[in-house]
């Protein structure tokens, strides 16, 4: 292979690597945000009122609404 072709090949490979790195760097914040949201959703799916009280203390307001097909419990916890 001629030296000129080696330089051209190296330039093409380097350009591809730089372009790939740029795409990854632009999408990285979105990936992090999506992973964080998925983690928070999984934590909330496993949260029960008893766990919330155990973690945060006794609520200032604890009301249950049974008018819906499923009972909904609302806890208001003051953070001092």
Protein backbone atom coordinates (compact mmCIF):
# COMPACT_ATOMS: atom_id res chain seq x y z
CA UNK A 1 0.00 0.00 0.00
CA UNK A 2 1.31 3.42 -0.94
CA UNK A 3 2.00 5.91 1.85
CA UNK A 4 -0.60 8.32 0.39
CA UNK A 5 -3.30 5.67 0.71
CA UNK A 6 -2.25 4.93 4.26
CA UNK A 7 -2.65 8.60 5.15
CA UNK A 8 -6.08 8.72 3.48
CA UNK A 9 -7.18 5.52 5.25
CA UNK A 10 -5.94 6.80 8.59
CA UNK A 11 -7.80 10.09 8.04
CA UNK A 12 -11.04 8.27 7.20
CA UNK A 13 -10.76 6.02 10.27
CA UNK A 14 -9.92 8.96 12.53
CA UNK A 15 -12.87 10.94 11.14
CA UNK A 16 -15.21 8.04 11.82
CA UNK A 17 -13.92 7.72 15.39
CA UNK A 18 -14.33 11.46 16.02
CA UNK A 19 -17.86 11.45 14.55
CA UNK A 20 -18.85 8.47 16.70
CA UNK A 21 -17.41 10.11 19.81
CA UNK A 22 -19.33 13.30 19.04
CA UNK A 23 -22.62 11.42 18.69
CA UNK A 24 -22.02 9.55 21.95
CA UNK A 25 -21.18 12.77 23.80
CA UNK A 26 -24.34 14.47 22.50
CA UNK A 27 -26.59 11.57 23.54
CA UNK A 28 -24.93 10.84 26.89
CA UNK A 29 -27.00 13.35 28.95
CA UNK A 30 -30.23 11.95 27.50
CA UNK A 31 -29.14 8.40 28.35
CA UNK A 32 -28.28 9.41 31.91
CA UNK A 33 -31.60 11.22 32.35
CA UNK A 34 -33.56 8.23 31.03
CA UNK A 35 -31.69 5.83 33.32
CA UNK A 36 -32.32 8.10 36.31
CA UNK A 37 -36.04 8.35 35.53
CA UNK A 38 -36.34 4.58 35.12
CA UNK A 39 -34.62 4.05 38.47
CA UNK A 40 -36.92 6.54 40.19
CA UNK A 41 -39.99 4.90 38.65
CA UNK A 42 -38.87 1.46 39.82
CA UNK A 43 -38.33 2.79 43.35
CA UNK A 44 -41.79 4.39 43.35
CA UNK A 45 -43.42 1.20 42.07
CA UNK A 46 -42.12 -0.64 45.13
CA UNK A 47 -42.99 2.13 47.60
CA UNK A 48 -45.81 1.46 50.02
CA UNK A 49 -47.29 3.86 52.57
CA UNK A 50 -45.71 1.83 55.37
CA UNK A 51 -42.27 2.09 53.75
CA UNK A 52 -42.72 5.85 53.26
CA UNK A 53 -43.62 6.29 56.93
CA UNK A 54 -40.66 4.16 58.00
CA UNK A 55 -38.26 6.18 55.83
CA UNK A 56 -39.63 9.69 56.36
CA UNK A 57 -41.38 9.68 59.72
CA UNK A 58 -44.99 10.25 60.65
CA UNK A 59 -47.05 12.23 58.14
CA UNK A 60 -48.69 15.56 58.90
CA UNK A 61 -51.71 14.49 56.86
CA UNK A 62 -52.85 10.93 56.19
CA UNK A 63 -56.09 10.55 54.26
CA UNK A 64 -57.63 7.66 52.36
CA UNK A 65 -60.02 8.12 49.44
CA UNK A 66 -62.21 5.09 48.83
CA UNK A 67 -64.50 6.63 46.20
CA UNK A 68 -62.48 5.14 43.35
CA UNK A 69 -62.40 1.43 42.46
CA UNK A 70 -59.09 1.22 44.29
CA UNK A 71 -58.40 2.99 47.54
CA UNK A 72 -55.96 5.88 47.27
CA UNK A 73 -53.91 6.96 50.27
CA UNK A 74 -52.40 10.44 50.41
CA UNK A 75 -49.54 11.17 52.79
CA UNK A 76 -48.16 14.65 53.42
CA UNK A 77 -44.83 14.54 55.19
CA UNK A 78 -43.15 17.65 56.48
CA UNK A 79 -39.42 17.81 55.99
CA UNK A 80 -37.80 19.75 58.84
